[in-house]
Amino acid sequence: MASHHTRSLSFPSKPHPIAYQLDEHLCRLRSSQDASLTNKLTGLNDLYTCVDEFLQLPLNQNTLSEMLDGSLRLLDICATSRDALAQSKERLQDIQSVLRRRWQW
């Protein structure tokens, strides 16, 4: 049986050029300890613009959408679990109450 390797179509093989720009802006900000406040604010503005462009890429929009959907499903599961545990706690308290009354007789 031959092994066949296929590439995933989900992720590009090479990062988008904006990803490189993000790295450059971050490196500049990290190394700008002696820069003026104006230069630091300009650098932050450039980084903000670059992050905004990065997040607007269709692949990133799709990925963020999937992540948010997953997070919402997880929150739903947590809420359902919390409700189930609260009901279980109430039932256990009812059972304890019944058992205490029986032992008092």
PDB file of N, CA and C in Angstrom:
ATOM      1  N   MET A   1       0.841  -1.171   0.000  1.00  0.00           N
ATOM      2  CA  MET A   1       0.000   0.000   0.000  1.00  0.00           C
ATOM      3  C   MET A   1       0.888   1.237   0.000  1.00  0.00           C
ATOM      4  N   ALA A   2       0.761   2.087  -0.991  1.00  0.00           N
ATOM      5  CA  ALA A   2       1.619   3.265  -1.138  1.00  0.00           C
ATOM      6  C   ALA A   2       1.093   4.411  -0.291  1.00  0.00           C
ATOM      7  N   SER A   3       2.016   5.119   0.299  1.00  0.00           N
ATOM      8  CA  SER A   3       1.654   6.289   1.097  1.00  0.00           C
ATOM      9  C   SER A   3       1.601   7.495   0.176  1.00  0.00           C
ATOM     10  N   HIS A   4       0.570   8.280   0.313  1.00  0.00           N
ATOM     11  CA  HIS A   4       0.402   9.440  -0.549  1.00  0.00           C
ATOM     12  C   HIS A   4       0.244  10.683   0.319  1.00  0.00           C
ATOM     13  N   HIS A   5       1.114  11.663   0.125  1.00  0.00           N
ATOM     14  CA  HIS A   5       1.081  12.883   0.914  1.00  0.00           C
ATOM     15  C   HIS A   5       0.411  13.988   0.114  1.00  0.00           C
ATOM     16  N   THR A   6      -0.568  14.630   0.709  1.00  0.00           N
ATOM     17  CA  THR A   6      -1.212  15.760   0.043  1.00  0.00           C
ATOM     18  C   THR A   6      -1.051  17.003   0.902  1.00  0.00           C
ATOM     19  N   ARG A   7      -0.950  18.136   0.233  1.00  0.00           N
ATOM     20  CA  ARG A   7      -0.841  19.395   0.954  1.00  0.00           C
ATOM     21  C   ARG A   7      -2.219  19.878   1.361  1.00  0.00           C
ATOM     22  N   SER A   8      -2.289  20.498   2.516  1.00  0.00           N
ATOM     23  CA  SER A   8      -3.528  21.084   2.972  1.00  0.00           C
ATOM     24  C   SER A   8      -3.816  22.333   2.159  1.00  0.00           C
ATOM     25  N   LEU A   9      -5.047  22.470   1.735  1.00  0.00           N
ATOM     26  CA  LEU A   9      -5.443  23.661   1.004  1.00  0.00           C
ATOM     27  C   LEU A   9      -5.920  24.760   1.948  1.00  0.00           C
ATOM     28  N   SER A  10      -5.973  24.470   3.235  1.00  0.00           N
ATOM     29  CA  SER A  10      -6.482  25.422   4.205  1.00  0.00           C
ATOM     30  C   SER A  10      -5.536  26.585   4.451  1.00  0.00           C
ATOM     31  N   PHE A  11      -4.251  26.325   4.422  1.00  0.00           N
ATOM     32  CA  PHE A  11      -3.287  27.352   4.763  1.00  0.00           C
ATOM     33  C   PHE A  11      -2.297  27.549   3.621  1.00  0.00           C
ATOM     34  N   PRO A  12      -1.959  28.790   3.354  1.00  0.00           N
ATOM     35  CA  PRO A  12      -0.974  29.020   2.302  1.00  0.00           C
ATOM     36  C   PRO A  12       0.392  28.491   2.721  1.00  0.00           C
ATOM     37  N   SER A  13       1.206  28.133   1.737  1.00  0.00           N
ATOM     38  CA  SER A  13       2.528  27.588   2.052  1.00  0.00           C
ATOM     39  C   SER A  13       3.485  28.680   2.511  1.00  0.00           C
ATOM     40  N   LYS A  14       3.180  29.908   2.186  1.00  0.00           N
ATOM     41  CA  LYS A  14       4.064  31.028   2.528  1.00  0.00           C
ATOM     42  C   LYS A  14       3.215  32.139   3.148  1.00  0.00           C
ATOM     43  N   PRO A  15       3.710  32.780   4.212  1.00  0.00           N
ATOM     44  CA  PRO A  15       2.921  33.847   4.839  1.00  0.00           C
ATOM     45  C   PRO A  15       2.661  34.997   3.863  1.00  0.00           C
ATOM     46  N   HIS A  16       1.553  35.672   4.080  1.00  0.00           N
ATOM     47  CA  HIS A  16       1.184  36.834   3.277  1.00  0.00           C
ATOM     48  C   HIS A  16       2.194  37.958   3.543  1.00  0.00           C
ATOM     49  N   PRO A  17       2.479  38.780   2.545  1.00  0.00           N
ATOM     50  CA  PRO A  17       3.435  39.891   2.760  1.00  0.00           C
ATOM     51  C   PRO A  17       3.070  40.795   3.933  1.00  0.00           C
ATOM     52  N   ILE A  18       1.795  40.925   4.233  1.00  0.00           N
ATOM     53  CA  ILE A  18       1.402  41.763   5.369  1.00  0.00           C
ATOM     54  C   ILE A  18       1.928  41.171   6.672  1.00  0.00           C
ATOM     55  N   ALA A  19       2.027  39.847   6.746  1.00  0.00           N
ATOM     56  CA  ALA A  19       2.575  39.211   7.952  1.00  0.00           C
ATOM     57  C   ALA A  19       4.020  39.636   8.166  1.00  0.00           C
ATOM     58  N   TYR A  20       4.767  39.749   7.086  1.00  0.00           N
ATOM     59  CA  TYR A  20       6.153  40.239   7.194  1.00  0.00           C
ATOM     60  C   TYR A  20       6.170  41.693   7.651  1.00  0.00           C
ATOM     61  N   GLN A  21       5.245  42.487   7.140  1.00  0.00           N
ATOM     62  CA  GLN A  21       5.164  43.892   7.549  1.00  0.00           C
ATOM     63  C   GLN A  21       4.836  44.000   9.036  1.00  0.00           C
ATOM     64  N   LEU A  22       3.954  43.136   9.513  1.00  0.00           N
ATOM     65  CA  LEU A  22       3.638  43.133  10.945  1.00  0.00           C
ATOM     66  C   LEU A  22       4.883  42.864  11.779  1.00  0.00           C
ATOM     67  N   ASP A  23       5.656  41.872  11.376  1.00  0.00           N
ATOM     68  CA  ASP A  23       6.899  41.555  12.080  1.00  0.00           C
ATOM     69  C   ASP A  23       7.850  42.739  12.072  1.00  0.00           C
ATOM     70  N   GLU A  24       7.956  43.406  10.934  1.00  0.00           N
ATOM     71  CA  GLU A  24       8.843  44.571  10.834  1.00  0.00           C
ATOM     72  C   GLU A  24       8.400  45.684  11.779  1.00  0.00           C
ATOM     73  N   HIS A  25       7.094  45.968  11.795  1.00  0.00           N
ATOM     74  CA  HIS A  25       6.585  47.024  12.680  1.00  0.00           C
ATOM     75  C   HIS A  25       6.823  46.668  14.145  1.00  0.00           C
ATOM     76  N   LEU A  26       6.586  45.414  14.501  1.00  0.00           N
ATOM     77  CA  LEU A  26       6.820  44.994  15.885  1.00  0.00           C
ATOM     78  C   LEU A  26       8.293  45.115  16.265  1.00  0.00           C
ATOM     79  N   CYS A  27       9.176  44.707  15.371  1.00  0.00           N
ATOM     80  CA  CYS A  27      10.614  44.814  15.640  1.00  0.00           C
ATOM     81  C   CYS A  27      11.024  46.269  15.818  1.00  0.00           C
ATOM     82  N   ARG A  28      10.485  47.135  14.958  1.00  0.00           N
ATOM     83  CA  ARG A  28      10.817  48.565  15.075  1.00  0.00           C
ATOM     84  C   ARG A  28      10.329  49.130  16.410  1.00  0.00           C
ATOM     85  N   LEU A  29       9.130  48.744  16.806  1.00  0.00           N
ATOM     86  CA  LEU A  29       8.611  49.247  18.086  1.00  0.00           C
ATOM     87  C   LEU A  29       9.427  48.740  19.268  1.00  0.00           C
ATOM     88  N   ARG A  30       9.827  47.477  19.204  1.00  0.00           N
ATOM     89  CA  ARG A  30      10.636  46.923  20.300  1.00  0.00           C
ATOM     90  C   ARG A  30      11.999  47.597  20.400  1.00  0.00           C
ATOM     91  N   SER A  31      12.536  47.985  19.276  1.00  0.00           N
ATOM     92  CA  SER A  31      13.876  48.572  19.280  1.00  0.00           C
ATOM     93  C   SER A  31      13.845  50.088  19.390  1.00  0.00           C
ATOM     94  N   SER A  32      12.679  50.688  19.569  1.00  0.00           N
ATOM     95  CA  SER A  32      12.583  52.144  19.586  1.00  0.00           C
ATOM     96  C   SER A  32      12.554  52.719  20.995  1.00  0.00           C
ATOM     97  N   GLN A  33      13.306  52.137  21.891  1.00  0.00           N
ATOM     98  CA  GLN A  33      13.308  52.606  23.274  1.00  0.00           C
ATOM     99  C   GLN A  33      13.793  54.050  23.381  1.00  0.00           C
ATOM    100  N   ASP A  34      14.723  54.442  22.538  1.00  0.00           N
ATOM    101  CA  ASP A  34      15.268  55.792  22.603  1.00  0.00           C
ATOM    102  C   ASP A  34      14.554  56.756  21.669  1.00  0.00           C
ATOM    103  N   ALA A  35      13.559  56.287  20.947  1.00  0.00           N
ATOM    104  CA  ALA A  35      12.851  57.133  19.994  1.00  0.00           C
ATOM    105  C   ALA A  35      11.948  58.118  20.727  1.00  0.00           C
ATOM    106  N   SER A  36      11.611  59.202  20.026  1.00  0.00           N
ATOM    107  CA  SER A  36      10.724  60.207  20.610  1.00  0.00           C
ATOM    108  C   SER A  36       9.304  59.657  20.720  1.00  0.00           C
ATOM    109  N   LEU A  37       8.515  60.315  21.534  1.00  0.00           N
ATOM    110  CA  LEU A  37       7.133  59.900  21.704  1.00  0.00           C
ATOM    111  C   LEU A  37       6.387  59.962  20.378  1.00  0.00           C
ATOM    112  N   THR A  38       6.668  60.971  19.592  1.00  0.00           N
ATOM    113  CA  THR A  38       6.019  61.108  18.284  1.00  0.00           C
ATOM    114  C   THR A  38       6.354  59.930  17.391  1.00  0.00           C
ATOM    115  N   ASN A  39       7.627  59.517  17.367  1.00  0.00           N
ATOM    116  CA  ASN A  39       8.032  58.371  16.549  1.00  0.00           C
ATOM    117  C   ASN A  39       7.381  57.079  17.053  1.00  0.00           C
ATOM    118  N   LYS A  40       7.273  56.936  18.373  1.00  0.00           N
ATOM    119  CA  LYS A  40       6.636  55.739  18.930  1.00  0.00           C
ATOM    120  C   LYS A  40       5.155  55.697  18.565  1.00  0.00           C
ATOM    121  N   LEU A  41       4.485  56.850  18.663  1.00  0.00           N
ATOM    122  CA  LEU A  41       3.065  56.897  18.312  1.00  0.00           C
ATOM    123  C   LEU A  41       2.857  56.640  16.821  1.00  0.00           C
ATOM    124  N   THR A  42       3.750  57.168  16.006  1.00  0.00           N
ATOM    125  CA  THR A  42       3.666  56.903  14.565  1.00  0.00           C
ATOM    126  C   THR A  42       3.852  55.415  14.303  1.00  0.00           C
ATOM    127  N   GLY A  43       4.811  54.807  15.006  1.00  0.00           N
ATOM    128  CA  GLY A  43       5.036  53.368  14.868  1.00  0.00           C
ATOM    129  C   GLY A  43       3.827  52.558  15.289  1.00  0.00           C
ATOM    130  N   LEU A  44       3.184  52.972  16.382  1.00  0.00           N
ATOM    131  CA  LEU A  44       1.965  52.281  16.831  1.00  0.00           C
ATOM    132  C   LEU A  44       0.840  52.435  15.812  1.00  0.00           C
ATOM    133  N   ASN A  45       0.725  53.616  15.246  1.00  0.00           N
ATOM    134  CA  ASN A  45      -0.293  53.846  14.226  1.00  0.00           C
ATOM    135  C   ASN A  45      -0.043  52.961  13.005  1.00  0.00           C
ATOM    136  N   ASP A  46       1.218  52.886  12.585  1.00  0.00           N
ATOM    137  CA  ASP A  46       1.568  52.023  11.453  1.00  0.00           C
ATOM    138  C   ASP A  46       1.242  50.562  11.757  1.00  0.00           C
ATOM    139  N   LEU A  47       1.553  50.134  12.973  1.00  0.00           N
ATOM    140  CA  LEU A  47       1.259  48.761  13.379  1.00  0.00           C
ATOM    141  C   LEU A  47      -0.253  48.526  13.382  1.00  0.00           C
ATOM    142  N   TYR A  48      -1.002  49.463  13.916  1.00  0.00           N
ATOM    143  CA  TYR A  48      -2.461  49.343  13.943  1.00  0.00           C
ATOM    144  C   TYR A  48      -3.020  49.204  12.527  1.00  0.00           C
ATOM    145  N   THR A  49      -2.543  50.037  11.613  1.00  0.00           N
ATOM    146  CA  THR A  49      -3.003  49.981  10.222  1.00  0.00           C
ATOM    147  C   THR A  49      -2.677  48.631   9.601  1.00  0.00           C
ATOM    148  N   CYS A  50      -1.478  48.150   9.866  1.00  0.00           N
ATOM    149  CA  CYS A  50      -1.041  46.871   9.308  1.00  0.00           C
ATOM    150  C   CYS A  50      -1.870  45.716   9.888  1.00  0.00           C
ATOM    151  N   VAL A  51      -2.150  45.758  11.188  1.00  0.00           N
ATOM    152  CA  VAL A  51      -2.970  44.715  11.814  1.00  0.00           C
ATOM    153  C   VAL A  51      -4.373  44.737  11.217  1.00  0.00           C
ATOM    154  N   ASP A  52      -4.910  45.934  11.007  1.00  0.00           N
ATOM    155  CA  ASP A  52      -6.237  46.053  10.413  1.00  0.00           C
ATOM    156  C   ASP A  52      -6.260  45.437   9.012  1.00  0.00           C
ATOM    157  N   GLU A  53      -5.247  45.736   8.203  1.00  0.00           N
ATOM    158  CA  GLU A  53      -5.156  45.150   6.861  1.00  0.00           C
ATOM    159  C   GLU A  53      -5.045  43.624   6.943  1.00  0.00           C
ATOM    160  N   PHE A  54      -4.255  43.143   7.891  1.00  0.00           N
ATOM    161  CA  PHE A  54      -4.049  41.702   8.067  1.00  0.00           C
ATOM    162  C   PHE A  54      -5.365  41.008   8.429  1.00  0.00           C
ATOM    163  N   LEU A  55      -6.116  41.632   9.324  1.00  0.00           N
ATOM    164  CA  LEU A  55      -7.377  41.031   9.753  1.00  0.00           C
ATOM    165  C   LEU A  55      -8.438  41.076   8.666  1.00  0.00           C
ATOM    166  N   GLN A  56      -8.285  41.975   7.698  1.00  0.00           N
ATOM    167  CA  GLN A  56      -9.261  42.085   6.613  1.00  0.00           C
ATOM    168  C   GLN A  56      -9.027  41.075   5.493  1.00  0.00           C
ATOM    169  N   LEU A  57      -7.909  40.369   5.518  1.00  0.00           N
ATOM    170  CA  LEU A  57      -7.657  39.362   4.489  1.00  0.00           C
ATOM    171  C   LEU A  57      -8.734  38.287   4.565  1.00  0.00           C
ATOM    172  N   PRO A  58      -9.249  37.836   3.412  1.00  0.00           N
ATOM    173  CA  PRO A  58     -10.343  36.849   3.419  1.00  0.00           C
ATOM    174  C   PRO A  58     -10.028  35.584   4.217  1.00  0.00           C
ATOM    175  N   LEU A  59      -8.815  35.067   4.095  1.00  0.00           N
ATOM    176  CA  LEU A  59      -8.476  33.849   4.835  1.00  0.00           C
ATOM    177  C   LEU A  59      -8.547  34.100   6.336  1.00  0.00           C
ATOM    178  N   ASN A  60      -8.056  35.255   6.766  1.00  0.00           N
ATOM    179  CA  ASN A  60      -8.097  35.576   8.187  1.00  0.00           C
ATOM    180  C   ASN A  60      -9.522  35.819   8.656  1.00  0.00           C
ATOM    181  N   GLN A  61     -10.345  36.447   7.825  1.00  0.00           N
ATOM    182  CA  GLN A  61     -11.749  36.656   8.172  1.00  0.00           C
ATOM    183  C   GLN A  61     -12.440  35.311   8.377  1.00  0.00           C
ATOM    184  N   ASN A  62     -12.165  34.380   7.472  1.00  0.00           N
ATOM    185  CA  ASN A  62     -12.758  33.046   7.563  1.00  0.00           C
ATOM    186  C   ASN A  62     -12.273  32.331   8.823  1.00  0.00           C
ATOM    187  N   THR A  63     -10.978  32.406   9.081  1.00  0.00           N
ATOM    188  CA  THR A  63     -10.407  31.754  10.262  1.00  0.00           C
ATOM    189  C   THR A  63     -10.984  32.349  11.542  1.00  0.00           C
ATOM    190  N   LEU A  64     -11.067  33.691  11.603  1.00  0.00           N
ATOM    191  CA  LEU A  64     -11.633  34.341  12.784  1.00  0.00           C
ATOM    192  C   LEU A  64     -13.097  33.953  12.974  1.00  0.00           C
ATOM    193  N   SER A  65     -13.826  33.870  11.868  1.00  0.00           N
ATOM    194  CA  SER A  65     -15.228  33.476  11.941  1.00  0.00           C
ATOM    195  C   SER A  65     -15.360  32.067  12.506  1.00  0.00           C
ATOM    196  N   GLU A  66     -14.518  31.155  12.035  1.00  0.00           N
ATOM    197  CA  GLU A  66     -14.553  29.778  12.535  1.00  0.00           C
ATOM    198  C   GLU A  66     -14.175  29.717  14.009  1.00  0.00           C
ATOM    199  N   MET A  67     -13.177  30.513  14.400  1.00  0.00           N
ATOM    200  CA  MET A  67     -12.768  30.536  15.802  1.00  0.00           C
ATOM    201  C   MET A  67     -13.891  31.078  16.684  1.00  0.00           C
ATOM    202  N   LEU A  68     -14.553  32.136  16.224  1.00  0.00           N
ATOM    203  CA  LEU A  68     -15.657  32.696  17.001  1.00  0.00           C
ATOM    204  C   LEU A  68     -16.812  31.708  17.102  1.00  0.00           C
ATOM    205  N   ASP A  69     -17.104  31.012  16.003  1.00  0.00           N
ATOM    206  CA  ASP A  69     -18.144  29.988  16.047  1.00  0.00           C
ATOM    207  C   ASP A  69     -17.795  28.905  17.066  1.00  0.00           C
ATOM    208  N   GLY A  70     -16.540  28.475  17.047  1.00  0.00           N
ATOM    209  CA  GLY A  70     -16.091  27.472  18.005  1.00  0.00           C
ATOM    210  C   GLY A  70     -16.192  27.969  19.438  1.00  0.00           C
ATOM    211  N   SER A  71     -15.835  29.234  19.642  1.00  0.00           N
ATOM    212  CA  SER A  71     -15.926  29.816  20.985  1.00  0.00           C
ATOM    213  C   SER A  71     -17.364  29.880  21.456  1.00  0.00           C
ATOM    214  N   LEU A  72     -18.268  30.248  20.546  1.00  0.00           N
ATOM    215  CA  LEU A  72     -19.685  30.299  20.920  1.00  0.00           C
ATOM    216  C   LEU A  72     -20.224  28.917  21.254  1.00  0.00           C
ATOM    217  N   ARG A  73     -19.803  27.911  20.479  1.00  0.00           N
ATOM    218  CA  ARG A  73     -20.227  26.540  20.790  1.00  0.00           C
ATOM    219  C   ARG A  73     -19.712  26.122  22.158  1.00  0.00           C
ATOM    220  N   LEU A  74     -18.463  26.476  22.446  1.00  0.00           N
ATOM    221  CA  LEU A  74     -17.875  26.141  23.747  1.00  0.00           C
ATOM    222  C   LEU A  74     -18.632  26.844  24.877  1.00  0.00           C
ATOM    223  N   LEU A  75     -18.983  28.111  24.667  1.00  0.00           N
ATOM    224  CA  LEU A  75     -19.763  28.828  25.676  1.00  0.00           C
ATOM    225  C   LEU A  75     -21.132  28.178  25.889  1.00  0.00           C
ATOM    226  N   ASP A  76     -21.750  27.736  24.796  1.00  0.00           N
ATOM    227  CA  ASP A  76     -23.036  27.033  24.910  1.00  0.00           C
ATOM    228  C   ASP A  76     -22.885  25.750  25.715  1.00  0.00           C
ATOM    229  N   ILE A  77     -21.821  25.010  25.437  1.00  0.00           N
ATOM    230  CA  ILE A  77     -21.566  23.764  26.172  1.00  0.00           C
ATOM    231  C   ILE A  77     -21.341  24.064  27.649  1.00  0.00           C
ATOM    232  N   CYS A  78     -20.576  25.116  27.932  1.00  0.00           N
ATOM    233  CA  CYS A  78     -20.324  25.483  29.334  1.00  0.00           C
ATOM    234  C   CYS A  78     -21.616  25.873  30.036  1.00  0.00           C
ATOM    235  N   ALA A  79     -22.467  26.639  29.357  1.00  0.00           N
ATOM    236  CA  ALA A  79     -23.736  27.043  29.959  1.00  0.00           C
ATOM    237  C   ALA A  79     -24.621  25.830  30.216  1.00  0.00           C
ATOM    238  N   THR A  80     -24.676  24.926  29.263  1.00  0.00           N
ATOM    239  CA  THR A  80     -25.472  23.708  29.440  1.00  0.00           C
ATOM    240  C   THR A  80     -24.926  22.875  30.590  1.00  0.00           C
ATOM    241  N   SER A  81     -23.613  22.753  30.661  1.00  0.00           N
ATOM    242  CA  SER A  81     -22.984  21.992  31.755  1.00  0.00           C
ATOM    243  C   SER A  81     -23.277  22.636  33.098  1.00  0.00           C
ATOM    244  N   ARG A  82     -23.183  23.964  33.154  1.00  0.00           N
ATOM    245  CA  ARG A  82     -23.466  24.685  34.396  1.00  0.00           C
ATOM    246  C   ARG A  82     -24.907  24.434  34.845  1.00  0.00           C
ATOM    247  N   ASP A  83     -25.842  24.504  33.888  1.00  0.00           N
ATOM    248  CA  ASP A  83     -27.249  24.258  34.210  1.00  0.00           C
ATOM    249  C   ASP A  83     -27.460  22.827  34.696  1.00  0.00           C
ATOM    250  N   ALA A  84     -26.817  21.877  34.037  1.00  0.00           N
ATOM    251  CA  ALA A  84     -26.954  20.471  34.435  1.00  0.00           C
ATOM    252  C   ALA A  84     -26.380  20.253  35.835  1.00  0.00           C
ATOM    253  N   LEU A  85     -25.241  20.877  36.122  1.00  0.00           N
ATOM    254  CA  LEU A  85     -24.652  20.742  37.461  1.00  0.00           C
ATOM    255  C   LEU A  85     -25.532  21.389  38.521  1.00  0.00           C
ATOM    256  N   ALA A  86     -26.121  22.535  38.186  1.00  0.00           N
ATOM    257  CA  ALA A  86     -27.012  23.200  39.144  1.00  0.00           C
ATOM    258  C   ALA A  86     -28.221  22.315  39.435  1.00  0.00           C
ATOM    259  N   GLN A  87     -28.789  21.699  38.401  1.00  0.00           N
ATOM    260  CA  GLN A  87     -29.925  20.795  38.610  1.00  0.00           C
ATOM    261  C   GLN A  87     -29.506  19.581  39.434  1.00  0.00           C
ATOM    262  N   SER A  88     -28.328  19.045  39.146  1.00  0.00           N
ATOM    263  CA  SER A  88     -27.839  17.890  39.919  1.00  0.00           C
ATOM    264  C   SER A  88     -27.670  18.263  41.385  1.00  0.00           C
ATOM    265  N   LYS A  89     -27.148  19.449  41.633  1.00  0.00           N
ATOM    266  CA  LYS A  89     -26.953  19.907  43.003  1.00  0.00           C
ATOM    267  C   LYS A  89     -28.303  20.015  43.715  1.00  0.00           C
ATOM    268  N   GLU A  90     -29.296  20.575  43.026  1.00  0.00           N
ATOM    269  CA  GLU A  90     -30.634  20.675  43.618  1.00  0.00           C
ATOM    270  C   GLU A  90     -31.195  19.297  43.935  1.00  0.00           C
ATOM    271  N   ARG A  91     -31.032  18.343  43.013  1.00  0.00           N
ATOM    272  CA  ARG A  91     -31.555  16.987  43.230  1.00  0.00           C
ATOM    273  C   ARG A  91     -30.848  16.317  44.406  1.00  0.00           C
ATOM    274  N   LEU A  92     -29.543  16.518  44.492  1.00  0.00           N
ATOM    275  CA  LEU A  92     -28.796  15.939  45.617  1.00  0.00           C
ATOM    276  C   LEU A  92     -29.252  16.534  46.943  1.00  0.00           C
ATOM    277  N   GLN A  93     -29.510  17.829  46.965  1.00  0.00           N
ATOM    278  CA  GLN A  93     -30.006  18.461  48.190  1.00  0.00           C
ATOM    279  C   GLN A  93     -31.383  17.916  48.549  1.00  0.00           C
ATOM    280  N   ASP A  94     -32.225  17.681  47.526  1.00  0.00           N
ATOM    281  CA  ASP A  94     -33.541  17.078  47.780  1.00  0.00           C
ATOM    282  C   ASP A  94     -33.383  15.686  48.377  1.00  0.00           C
ATOM    283  N   ILE A  95     -32.482  14.898  47.804  1.00  0.00           N
ATOM    284  CA  ILE A  95     -32.243  13.530  48.293  1.00  0.00           C
ATOM    285  C   ILE A  95     -31.717  13.569  49.723  1.00  0.00           C
ATOM    286  N   GLN A  96     -30.785  14.483  50.010  1.00  0.00           N
ATOM    287  CA  GLN A  96     -30.253  14.598  51.370  1.00  0.00           C
ATOM    288  C   GLN A  96     -31.355  14.964  52.351  1.00  0.00           C
ATOM    289  N   SER A  97     -32.215  15.865  51.921  1.00  0.00           N
ATOM    290  CA  SER A  97     -33.326  16.278  52.783  1.00  0.00           C
ATOM    291  C   SER A  97     -34.250  15.101  53.083  1.00  0.00           C
ATOM    292  N   VAL A  98     -34.585  14.314  52.057  1.00  0.00           N
ATOM    293  CA  VAL A  98     -35.446  13.147  52.236  1.00  0.00           C
ATOM    294  C   VAL A  98     -34.769  12.148  53.170  1.00  0.00           C
ATOM    295  N   LEU A  99     -33.478  11.897  52.970  1.00  0.00           N
ATOM    296  CA  LEU A  99     -32.759  10.936  53.819  1.00  0.00           C
ATOM    297  C   LEU A  99     -32.705  11.401  55.266  1.00  0.00           C
ATOM    298  N   ARG A 100     -32.520  12.693  55.504  1.00  0.00           N
ATOM    299  CA  ARG A 100     -32.479  13.214  56.876  1.00  0.00           C
ATOM    300  C   ARG A 100     -33.833  13.009  57.565  1.00  0.00           C
ATOM    301  N   ARG A 101     -34.907  13.277  56.814  1.00  0.00           N
ATOM    302  CA  ARG A 101     -36.242  13.103  57.385  1.00  0.00           C
ATOM    303  C   ARG A 101     -36.507  11.639  57.727  1.00  0.00           C
ATOM    304  N   ARG A 102     -36.052  10.745  56.893  1.00  0.00           N
ATOM    305  CA  ARG A 102     -36.265   9.313  57.149  1.00  0.00           C
ATOM    306  C   ARG A 102     -35.486   8.859  58.373  1.00  0.00           C
ATOM    307  N   TRP A 103     -34.294   9.365  58.567  1.00  0.00           N
ATOM    308  CA  TRP A 103     -33.468   8.955  59.706  1.00  0.00           C
ATOM    309  C   TRP A 103     -34.007   9.529  61.013  1.00  0.00           C
ATOM    310  N   GLN A 104     -34.779  10.621  60.916  1.00  0.00           N
ATOM    311  CA  GLN A 104     -35.335  11.225  62.138  1.00  0.00           C
ATOM    312  C   GLN A 104     -36.503  10.404  62.664  1.00  0.00           C
ATOM    313  N   TRP A 105     -37.136   9.619  61.882  1.00  0.00           N
ATOM    314  CA  TRP A 105     -38.276   8.818  62.325  1.00  0.00           C
ATOM    315  C   TRP A 105     -37.810   7.754  63.192  1.00  0.00           C
TER     316      TRP A 105
END
